[in-house]
All heavy atoms as atom14 arrays in JSON, in Angstrom:
{
  "sequence": "EYRLVKLMAKKAITCVVGDPDQTIYSFRGADVNYILDFDKDFKP",
  "atom14_mask": [
    [1, 1, 1, 1, 1, 1, 1, 1, 1, 0, 0, 0, 0, 0],
    [1, 1, 1, 1, 1, 1, 1, 1, 1, 1, 1, 1, 0, 0],
    [1, 1, 1, 1, 1, 1, 1, 1, 1, 1, 1, 0, 0, 0],
    [1, 1, 1, 1, 1, 1, 1, 1, 0, 0, 0, 0, 0, 0],
    [1, 1, 1, 1, 1, 1, 1, 0, 0, 0, 0, 0, 0, 0],
    [1, 1, 1, 1, 1, 1, 1, 1, 1, 0, 0, 0, 0, 0],
    [1, 1, 1, 1, 1, 1, 1, 1, 0, 0, 0, 0, 0, 0],
    [1, 1, 1, 1, 1, 1, 1, 1, 0, 0, 0, 0, 0, 0],
    [1, 1, 1, 1, 1, 0, 0, 0, 0, 0, 0, 0, 0, 0],
    [1, 1, 1, 1, 1, 1, 1, 1, 1, 0, 0, 0, 0, 0],
    [1, 1, 1, 1, 1, 1, 1, 1, 1, 0, 0, 0, 0, 0],
    [1, 1, 1, 1, 1, 0, 0, 0, 0, 0, 0, 0, 0, 0],
    [1, 1, 1, 1, 1, 1, 1, 1, 0, 0, 0, 0, 0, 0],
    [1, 1, 1, 1, 1, 1, 1, 0, 0, 0, 0, 0, 0, 0],
    [1, 1, 1, 1, 1, 1, 0, 0, 0, 0, 0, 0, 0, 0],
    [1, 1, 1, 1, 1, 1, 1, 0, 0, 0, 0, 0, 0, 0],
    [1, 1, 1, 1, 1, 1, 1, 0, 0, 0, 0, 0, 0, 0],
    [1, 1, 1, 1, 0, 0, 0, 0, 0, 0, 0, 0, 0, 0],
    [1, 1, 1, 1, 1, 1, 1, 1, 0, 0, 0, 0, 0, 0],
    [1, 1, 1, 1, 1, 1, 1, 0, 0, 0, 0, 0, 0, 0],
    [1, 1, 1, 1, 1, 1, 1, 1, 0, 0, 0, 0, 0, 0],
    [1, 1, 1, 1, 1, 1, 1, 1, 1, 0, 0, 0, 0, 0],
    [1, 1, 1, 1, 1, 1, 1, 0, 0, 0, 0, 0, 0, 0],
    [1, 1, 1, 1, 1, 1, 1, 1, 0, 0, 0, 0, 0, 0],
    [1, 1, 1, 1, 1, 1, 1, 1, 1, 1, 1, 1, 0, 0],
    [1, 1, 1, 1, 1, 1, 0, 0, 0, 0, 0, 0, 0, 0],
    [1, 1, 1, 1, 1, 1, 1, 1, 1, 1, 1, 0, 0, 0],
    [1, 1, 1, 1, 1, 1, 1, 1, 1, 1, 1, 0, 0, 0],
    [1, 1, 1, 1, 0, 0, 0, 0, 0, 0, 0, 0, 0, 0],
    [1, 1, 1, 1, 1, 0, 0, 0, 0, 0, 0, 0, 0, 0],
    [1, 1, 1, 1, 1, 1, 1, 1, 0, 0, 0, 0, 0, 0],
    [1, 1, 1, 1, 1, 1, 1, 0, 0, 0, 0, 0, 0, 0],
    [1, 1, 1, 1, 1, 1, 1, 1, 0, 0, 0, 0, 0, 0],
    [1, 1, 1, 1, 1, 1, 1, 1, 1, 1, 1, 1, 0, 0],
    [1, 1, 1, 1, 1, 1, 1, 1, 0, 0, 0, 0, 0, 0],
    [1, 1, 1, 1, 1, 1, 1, 1, 0, 0, 0, 0, 0, 0],
    [1, 1, 1, 1, 1, 1, 1, 1, 0, 0, 0, 0, 0, 0],
    [1, 1, 1, 1, 1, 1, 1, 1, 1, 1, 1, 0, 0, 0],
    [1, 1, 1, 1, 1, 1, 1, 1, 0, 0, 0, 0, 0, 0],
    [1, 1, 1, 1, 1, 1, 1, 1, 1, 0, 0, 0, 0, 0],
    [1, 1, 1, 1, 1, 1, 1, 1, 0, 0, 0, 0, 0, 0],
    [1, 1, 1, 1, 1, 1, 1, 1, 1, 1, 1, 0, 0, 0],
    [1, 1, 1, 1, 1, 1, 1, 1, 1, 0, 0, 0, 0, 0],
    [1, 1, 1, 1, 1, 1, 1, 0, 0, 0, 0, 0, 0, 0]
  ],
  "atom14_positions": [
    [[0.83, -1.21, 0.0], [0.0, 0.0, 0.0], [0.86, 1.26, 0.0], [0.57, 2.24, -0.69], [-0.92, 0.02, 1.23], [-1.94, -1.1, 1.27], [-1.47, -2.29, 2.07], [-0.25, -2.46, 2.23], [-2.33, -3.05, 2.53], [0.0, 0.0, 0.0], [0.0, 0.0, 0.0], [0.0, 0.0, 0.0], [0.0, 0.0, 0.0], [0.0, 0.0, 0.0]],
    [[1.93, 1.21, 0.78], [2.81, 2.39, 0.87], [3.45, 2.7, -0.48], [3.5, 3.86, -0.9], [3.88, 2.15, 1.93], [4.65, 3.41, 2.3], [4.05, 4.4, 3.07], [5.95, 3.61, 1.86], [4.72, 5.56, 3.41], [6.65, 4.77, 2.2], [6.03, 5.73, 2.97], [6.71, 6.89, 3.31], [0.0, 0.0, 0.0], [0.0, 0.0, 0.0]],
    [[3.9, 1.67, -1.18], [4.52, 1.89, -2.49], [3.5, 2.44, -3.48], [3.82, 3.32, -4.3], [5.11, 0.58, -3.01], [6.41, 0.19, -2.29], [6.79, -1.26, -2.54], [6.96, -1.53, -3.95], [6.91, -2.76, -4.48], [6.67, -3.8, -3.71], [7.1, -2.93, -5.77], [0.0, 0.0, 0.0], [0.0, 0.0, 0.0], [0.0, 0.0, 0.0]],
    [[2.27, 1.93, -3.43], [1.22, 2.43, -4.33], [0.95, 3.91, -4.09], [0.86, 4.71, -5.02], [-0.07, 1.63, -4.14], [-0.17, 0.29, -4.87], [-1.41, -0.46, -4.41], [-0.22, 0.52, -6.38], [0.0, 0.0, 0.0], [0.0, 0.0, 0.0], [0.0, 0.0, 0.0], [0.0, 0.0, 0.0], [0.0, 0.0, 0.0], [0.0, 0.0, 0.0]],
    [[0.8, 4.27, -2.8], [0.53, 5.68, -2.46], [1.68, 6.56, -2.94], [1.48, 7.63, -3.52], [0.31, 5.83, -0.94], [0.23, 7.32, -0.57], [-0.95, 5.12, -0.51], [0.0, 0.0, 0.0], [0.0, 0.0, 0.0], [0.0, 0.0, 0.0], [0.0, 0.0, 0.0], [0.0, 0.0, 0.0], [0.0, 0.0, 0.0], [0.0, 0.0, 0.0]],
    [[2.9, 6.09, -2.72], [4.07, 6.9, -3.1], [4.14, 7.12, -4.61], [4.46, 8.22, -5.09], [5.34, 6.2, -2.6], [6.51, 7.15, -2.4], [7.64, 6.48, -1.63], [8.78, 7.47, -1.45], [9.93, 6.85, -0.78], [0.0, 0.0, 0.0], [0.0, 0.0, 0.0], [0.0, 0.0, 0.0], [0.0, 0.0, 0.0], [0.0, 0.0, 0.0]],
    [[3.82, 6.07, -5.37], [3.82, 6.2, -6.82], [2.73, 7.16, -7.3], [2.96, 8.02, -8.15], [3.62, 4.83, -7.47], [4.81, 3.87, -7.42], [4.37, 2.46, -7.82], [5.93, 4.37, -8.33], [0.0, 0.0, 0.0], [0.0, 0.0, 0.0], [0.0, 0.0, 0.0], [0.0, 0.0, 0.0], [0.0, 0.0, 0.0], [0.0, 0.0, 0.0]],
    [[1.53, 7.0, -6.75], [0.4, 7.82, -7.18], [0.55, 9.28, -6.75], [0.06, 10.19, -7.4], [-0.9, 7.25, -6.61], [-1.24, 5.85, -7.1], [-1.74, 5.84, -8.81], [-3.33, 6.61, -8.69], [0.0, 0.0, 0.0], [0.0, 0.0, 0.0], [0.0, 0.0, 0.0], [0.0, 0.0, 0.0], [0.0, 0.0, 0.0], [0.0, 0.0, 0.0]],
    [[1.24, 9.48, -5.63], [1.3, 10.82, -5.03], [2.23, 11.77, -5.78], [2.24, 12.97, -5.48], [1.75, 10.71, -3.58], [0.0, 0.0, 0.0], [0.0, 0.0, 0.0], [0.0, 0.0, 0.0], [0.0, 0.0, 0.0], [0.0, 0.0, 0.0], [0.0, 0.0, 0.0], [0.0, 0.0, 0.0], [0.0, 0.0, 0.0], [0.0, 0.0, 0.0]],
    [[2.98, 11.27, -6.75], [3.93, 12.14, -7.44], [3.23, 13.22, -8.27], [3.8, 14.25, -8.57], [4.84, 11.29, -8.33], [5.82, 10.46, -7.51], [6.8, 9.68, -8.37], [7.78, 8.91, -7.49], [8.73, 8.11, -8.28], [0.0, 0.0, 0.0], [0.0, 0.0, 0.0], [0.0, 0.0, 0.0], [0.0, 0.0, 0.0], [0.0, 0.0, 0.0]],
    [[1.96, 12.97, -8.63], [1.23, 13.94, -9.44], [-0.01, 14.46, -8.71], [-0.83, 15.14, -9.31], [0.78, 13.29, -10.76], [1.9, 12.7, -11.58], [2.72, 13.76, -12.28], [3.74, 13.13, -13.21], [4.57, 14.14, -13.9], [0.0, 0.0, 0.0], [0.0, 0.0, 0.0], [0.0, 0.0, 0.0], [0.0, 0.0, 0.0], [0.0, 0.0, 0.0]],
    [[-0.17, 14.11, -7.43], [-1.41, 14.48, -6.72], [-1.08, 15.03, -5.34], [-0.02, 14.78, -4.78], [-2.32, 13.26, -6.59], [0.0, 0.0, 0.0], [0.0, 0.0, 0.0], [0.0, 0.0, 0.0], [0.0, 0.0, 0.0], [0.0, 0.0, 0.0], [0.0, 0.0, 0.0], [0.0, 0.0, 0.0], [0.0, 0.0, 0.0], [0.0, 0.0, 0.0]],
    [[-2.02, 15.8, -4.81], [-1.93, 16.27, -3.43], [-2.41, 15.13, -2.53], [-3.51, 14.62, -2.72], [-2.79, 17.53, -3.22], [-2.24, 18.67, -4.08], [-2.84, 17.92, -1.75], [-3.12, 19.89, -4.14], [0.0, 0.0, 0.0], [0.0, 0.0, 0.0], [0.0, 0.0, 0.0], [0.0, 0.0, 0.0], [0.0, 0.0, 0.0], [0.0, 0.0, 0.0]],
    [[-1.58, 14.74, -1.58], [-1.85, 13.55, -0.78], [-2.08, 13.91, 0.69], [-1.31, 14.69, 1.27], [-0.68, 12.55, -0.88], [-0.47, 12.24, -2.26], [-0.98, 11.28, -0.09], [0.0, 0.0, 0.0], [0.0, 0.0, 0.0], [0.0, 0.0, 0.0], [0.0, 0.0, 0.0], [0.0, 0.0, 0.0], [0.0, 0.0, 0.0], [0.0, 0.0, 0.0]],
    [[-3.13, 13.35, 1.25], [-3.43, 13.54, 2.67], [-3.64, 12.16, 3.3], [-4.37, 11.34, 2.76], [-4.69, 14.39, 2.85], [-5.25, 14.51, 4.56], [0.0, 0.0, 0.0], [0.0, 0.0, 0.0], [0.0, 0.0, 0.0], [0.0, 0.0, 0.0], [0.0, 0.0, 0.0], [0.0, 0.0, 0.0], [0.0, 0.0, 0.0], [0.0, 0.0, 0.0]],
    [[-2.96, 11.91, 4.41], [-3.18, 10.64, 5.12], [-3.6, 10.96, 6.55], [-3.22, 11.97, 7.13], [-1.91, 9.75, 5.13], [-1.43, 9.5, 3.71], [-0.8, 10.33, 5.98], [0.0, 0.0, 0.0], [0.0, 0.0, 0.0], [0.0, 0.0, 0.0], [0.0, 0.0, 0.0], [0.0, 0.0, 0.0], [0.0, 0.0, 0.0], [0.0, 0.0, 0.0]],
    [[-4.42, 10.07, 7.1], [-4.9, 10.21, 8.48], [-4.61, 8.91, 9.21], [-4.9, 7.83, 8.71], [-6.42, 10.51, 8.53], [-6.88, 10.65, 9.98], [-6.75, 11.76, 7.74], [0.0, 0.0, 0.0], [0.0, 0.0, 0.0], [0.0, 0.0, 0.0], [0.0, 0.0, 0.0], [0.0, 0.0, 0.0], [0.0, 0.0, 0.0], [0.0, 0.0, 0.0]],
    [[-4.05, 9.02, 10.39], [-3.78, 7.8, 11.15], [-3.2, 8.13, 12.5], [-2.81, 9.26, 12.78], [0.0, 0.0, 0.0], [0.0, 0.0, 0.0], [0.0, 0.0, 0.0], [0.0, 0.0, 0.0], [0.0, 0.0, 0.0], [0.0, 0.0, 0.0], [0.0, 0.0, 0.0], [0.0, 0.0, 0.0], [0.0, 0.0, 0.0], [0.0, 0.0, 0.0]],
    [[-3.14, 7.12, 13.34], [-2.6, 7.27, 14.69], [-1.54, 6.2, 14.91], [-1.86, 5.02, 15.06], [-3.72, 7.09, 15.72], [-3.23, 7.28, 17.15], [-2.02, 7.53, 17.34], [-4.06, 7.19, 18.09], [0.0, 0.0, 0.0], [0.0, 0.0, 0.0], [0.0, 0.0, 0.0], [0.0, 0.0, 0.0], [0.0, 0.0, 0.0], [0.0, 0.0, 0.0]],
    [[-0.25, 6.57, 14.91], [0.8, 5.57, 15.1], [0.71, 4.83, 16.42], [1.21, 3.72, 16.54], [2.1, 6.4, 15.02], [1.69, 7.82, 15.23], [0.3, 7.93, 14.73], [0.0, 0.0, 0.0], [0.0, 0.0, 0.0], [0.0, 0.0, 0.0], [0.0, 0.0, 0.0], [0.0, 0.0, 0.0], [0.0, 0.0, 0.0], [0.0, 0.0, 0.0]],
    [[0.03, 5.43, 17.4], [-0.15, 4.75, 18.67], [-1.15, 3.59, 18.56], [-1.34, 2.84, 19.53], [-0.63, 5.73, 19.75], [0.48, 6.68, 20.17], [1.65, 6.33, 20.0], [0.16, 7.78, 20.67], [0.0, 0.0, 0.0], [0.0, 0.0, 0.0], [0.0, 0.0, 0.0], [0.0, 0.0, 0.0], [0.0, 0.0, 0.0], [0.0, 0.0, 0.0]],
    [[-1.81, 3.46, 17.4], [-2.77, 2.37, 17.22], [-2.34, 1.4, 16.12], [-3.16, 0.71, 15.53], [-4.16, 2.95, 16.91], [-4.74, 3.75, 18.06], [-6.21, 4.09, 17.86], [-7.02, 3.23, 17.55], [-6.55, 5.35, 18.05], [0.0, 0.0, 0.0], [0.0, 0.0, 0.0], [0.0, 0.0, 0.0], [0.0, 0.0, 0.0], [0.0, 0.0, 0.0]],
    [[-1.03, 1.33, 15.86], [-0.53, 0.34, 14.92], [-0.44, -1.0, 15.64], [0.48, -1.23, 16.43], [0.86, 0.74, 14.39], [0.77, 2.01, 13.75], [1.37, -0.29, 13.38], [0.0, 0.0, 0.0], [0.0, 0.0, 0.0], [0.0, 0.0, 0.0], [0.0, 0.0, 0.0], [0.0, 0.0, 0.0], [0.0, 0.0, 0.0], [0.0, 0.0, 0.0]],
    [[-1.4, -1.9, 15.37], [-1.46, -3.17, 16.1], [-1.57, -4.36, 15.15], [-1.86, -5.47, 15.59], [-2.65, -3.18, 17.08], [-3.98, -2.99, 16.33], [-2.49, -2.13, 18.15], [-5.23, -3.15, 17.2], [0.0, 0.0, 0.0], [0.0, 0.0, 0.0], [0.0, 0.0, 0.0], [0.0, 0.0, 0.0], [0.0, 0.0, 0.0], [0.0, 0.0, 0.0]],
    [[-1.29, -4.12, 13.86], [-1.46, -5.2, 12.88], [-0.15, -5.56, 12.18], [-0.14, -5.87, 11.0], [-2.52, -4.82, 11.84], [-3.91, -4.76, 12.39], [-4.62, -3.57, 12.41], [-4.53, -5.9, 12.89], [-5.91, -3.51, 12.92], [-5.82, -5.86, 13.4], [-6.5, -4.66, 13.41], [-7.77, -4.61, 13.91], [0.0, 0.0, 0.0], [0.0, 0.0, 0.0]],
    [[0.96, -5.54, 12.91], [2.24, -5.89, 12.28], [2.22, -7.31, 11.74], [2.87, -7.63, 10.76], [3.39, -5.71, 13.27], [3.27, -6.62, 14.34], [0.0, 0.0, 0.0], [0.0, 0.0, 0.0], [0.0, 0.0, 0.0], [0.0, 0.0, 0.0], [0.0, 0.0, 0.0], [0.0, 0.0, 0.0], [0.0, 0.0, 0.0], [0.0, 0.0, 0.0]],
    [[1.43, -8.2, 12.38], [1.36, -9.59, 11.9], [0.67, -9.67, 10.55], [0.74, -10.71, 9.88], [0.63, -10.48, 12.93], [-0.81, -10.12, 13.17], [-1.82, -10.75, 12.47], [-1.15, -9.17, 14.11], [-3.15, -10.42, 12.69], [-2.47, -8.84, 14.35], [-3.48, -9.46, 13.64], [0.0, 0.0, 0.0], [0.0, 0.0, 0.0], [0.0, 0.0, 0.0]],
    [[-0.01, -8.59, 10.12], [-0.6, -8.54, 8.77], [0.26, -7.71, 7.82], [-0.15, -7.46, 6.69], [-2.0, -7.92, 8.83], [-3.02, -8.75, 9.59], [-4.36, -8.04, 9.56], [-5.37, -8.72, 10.35], [-6.53, -8.19, 10.68], [-6.82, -6.94, 10.29], [-7.41, -8.86, 11.42], [0.0, 0.0, 0.0], [0.0, 0.0, 0.0], [0.0, 0.0, 0.0]],
    [[1.42, -7.25, 8.29], [2.32, -6.5, 7.42], [2.35, -5.01, 7.68], [3.11, -4.28, 7.04], [0.0, 0.0, 0.0], [0.0, 0.0, 0.0], [0.0, 0.0, 0.0], [0.0, 0.0, 0.0], [0.0, 0.0, 0.0], [0.0, 0.0, 0.0], [0.0, 0.0, 0.0], [0.0, 0.0, 0.0], [0.0, 0.0, 0.0], [0.0, 0.0, 0.0]],
    [[1.55, -4.5, 8.62], [1.57, -3.07, 8.93], [2.91, -2.69, 9.56], [3.53, -3.49, 10.27], [0.44, -2.71, 9.88], [0.0, 0.0, 0.0], [0.0, 0.0, 0.0], [0.0, 0.0, 0.0], [0.0, 0.0, 0.0], [0.0, 0.0, 0.0], [0.0, 0.0, 0.0], [0.0, 0.0, 0.0], [0.0, 0.0, 0.0], [0.0, 0.0, 0.0]],
    [[3.37, -1.48, 9.27], [4.65, -1.01, 9.8], [4.47, 0.42, 10.3], [4.16, 1.33, 9.52], [5.72, -1.05, 8.69], [7.12, -0.74, 9.21], [7.23, -0.09, 10.27], [8.09, -1.16, 8.56], [0.0, 0.0, 0.0], [0.0, 0.0, 0.0], [0.0, 0.0, 0.0], [0.0, 0.0, 0.0], [0.0, 0.0, 0.0], [0.0, 0.0, 0.0]],
    [[4.67, 0.63, 11.59], [4.45, 1.94, 12.2], [5.37, 3.0, 11.61], [5.05, 4.2, 11.61], [4.64, 1.86, 13.73], [6.09, 1.59, 14.1], [4.13, 3.12, 14.42], [0.0, 0.0, 0.0], [0.0, 0.0, 0.0], [0.0, 0.0, 0.0], [0.0, 0.0, 0.0], [0.0, 0.0, 0.0], [0.0, 0.0, 0.0], [0.0, 0.0, 0.0]],
    [[6.5, 2.59, 11.06], [7.47, 3.57, 10.55], [6.96, 4.3, 9.31], [7.44, 5.39, 9.01], [8.81, 2.89, 10.25], [9.5, 2.43, 11.52], [9.79, 3.23, 12.4], [9.74, 1.13, 11.62], [0.0, 0.0, 0.0], [0.0, 0.0, 0.0], [0.0, 0.0, 0.0], [0.0, 0.0, 0.0], [0.0, 0.0, 0.0], [0.0, 0.0, 0.0]],
    [[6.01, 3.72, 8.59], [5.49, 4.41, 7.4], [4.8, 5.71, 7.78], [4.95, 6.73, 7.1], [4.52, 3.5, 6.64], [5.21, 2.37, 5.92], [4.72, 1.08, 5.98], [6.37, 2.59, 5.17], [5.35, 0.03, 5.32], [7.0, 1.56, 4.51], [6.49, 0.27, 4.6], [7.12, -0.75, 3.94], [0.0, 0.0, 0.0], [0.0, 0.0, 0.0]],
    [[4.04, 5.72, 8.86], [3.39, 6.96, 9.26], [4.35, 7.86, 10.03], [4.32, 9.08, 9.91], [2.1, 6.69, 10.08], [1.33, 8.0, 10.3], [2.39, 6.01, 11.41], [-0.08, 7.8, 10.83], [0.0, 0.0, 0.0], [0.0, 0.0, 0.0], [0.0, 0.0, 0.0], [0.0, 0.0, 0.0], [0.0, 0.0, 0.0], [0.0, 0.0, 0.0]],
    [[5.27, 7.26, 10.8], [6.24, 8.06, 11.55], [7.17, 8.82, 10.6], [7.59, 9.94, 10.9], [7.05, 7.17, 12.48], [6.29, 6.52, 13.66], [7.22, 5.61, 14.45], [5.71, 7.6, 14.57], [0.0, 0.0, 0.0], [0.0, 0.0, 0.0], [0.0, 0.0, 0.0], [0.0, 0.0, 0.0], [0.0, 0.0, 0.0], [0.0, 0.0, 0.0]],
    [[7.5, 8.2, 9.45], [8.46, 8.82, 8.52], [7.78, 9.48, 7.33], [8.44, 9.83, 6.34], [9.44, 7.75, 8.0], [10.31, 7.18, 9.12], [10.49, 7.87, 10.13], [10.8, 6.04, 8.96], [0.0, 0.0, 0.0], [0.0, 0.0, 0.0], [0.0, 0.0, 0.0], [0.0, 0.0, 0.0], [0.0, 0.0, 0.0], [0.0, 0.0, 0.0]],
    [[6.47, 9.66, 7.41], [5.73, 10.21, 6.27], [6.28, 11.57, 5.84], [6.46, 11.83, 4.65], [4.25, 10.34, 6.62], [3.4, 10.81, 5.48], [2.93, 9.92, 4.53], [3.06, 12.16, 5.35], [2.15, 10.36, 3.47], [2.29, 12.6, 4.29], [1.83, 11.7, 3.33], [0.0, 0.0, 0.0], [0.0, 0.0, 0.0], [0.0, 0.0, 0.0]],
    [[6.6, 12.43, 6.83], [7.06, 13.78, 6.48], [8.44, 13.78, 5.83], [8.83, 14.76, 5.19], [7.06, 14.68, 7.72], [7.91, 14.14, 8.84], [8.28, 12.95, 8.78], [8.22, 14.9, 9.78], [0.0, 0.0, 0.0], [0.0, 0.0, 0.0], [0.0, 0.0, 0.0], [0.0, 0.0, 0.0], [0.0, 0.0, 0.0], [0.0, 0.0, 0.0]],
    [[9.18, 12.67, 5.98], [10.49, 12.58, 5.33], [10.36, 12.1, 3.89], [11.13, 12.5, 3.01], [11.4, 11.61, 6.11], [11.67, 12.05, 7.54], [12.43, 10.96, 8.29], [12.55, 11.34, 9.78], [13.12, 10.23, 10.57], [0.0, 0.0, 0.0], [0.0, 0.0, 0.0], [0.0, 0.0, 0.0], [0.0, 0.0, 0.0], [0.0, 0.0, 0.0]],
    [[9.4, 11.25, 3.63], [9.23, 10.68, 2.29], [8.33, 11.52, 1.39], [8.36, 11.37, 0.17], [8.64, 9.27, 2.39], [9.62, 8.28, 3.03], [10.81, 8.63, 3.12], [9.19, 7.19, 3.42], [0.0, 0.0, 0.0], [0.0, 0.0, 0.0], [0.0, 0.0, 0.0], [0.0, 0.0, 0.0], [0.0, 0.0, 0.0], [0.0, 0.0, 0.0]],
    [[7.49, 12.37, 1.99], [6.57, 13.21, 1.22], [6.85, 14.67, 1.56], [6.39, 15.18, 2.58], [5.11, 12.86, 1.54], [4.69, 11.5, 1.07], [5.06, 10.36, 1.76], [3.92, 11.35, -0.09], [4.67, 9.1, 1.32], [3.53, 10.09, -0.53], [3.9, 8.97, 0.16], [0.0, 0.0, 0.0], [0.0, 0.0, 0.0], [0.0, 0.0, 0.0]],
    [[7.61, 15.33, 0.72], [7.97, 16.73, 0.99], [7.48, 17.59, -0.16], [7.53, 17.17, -1.32], [9.49, 16.86, 1.13], [10.05, 16.14, 2.34], [11.56, 16.32, 2.43], [12.12, 15.63, 3.67], [13.58, 15.76, 3.76], [0.0, 0.0, 0.0], [0.0, 0.0, 0.0], [0.0, 0.0, 0.0], [0.0, 0.0, 0.0], [0.0, 0.0, 0.0]],
    [[7.05, 18.84, 0.13], [6.84, 19.42, 1.47], [5.62, 18.79, 2.15], [4.72, 18.29, 1.48], [6.61, 20.9, 1.18], [6.01, 20.9, -0.2], [6.67, 19.77, -0.93], [0.0, 0.0, 0.0], [0.0, 0.0, 0.0], [0.0, 0.0, 0.0], [0.0, 0.0, 0.0], [0.0, 0.0, 0.0], [0.0, 0.0, 0.0], [0.0, 0.0, 0.0]]
  ]
}
């Protein structure tokens, strides 16, 4: 999902909503670092 959003976001204004304190699905592949590092990967 993260790769898809990153690819699509190159030509669009992107907004994400989430709470890193509620990342509880790592066993399904969720990774808290994607939301924690969002401001580094999507600039400005």
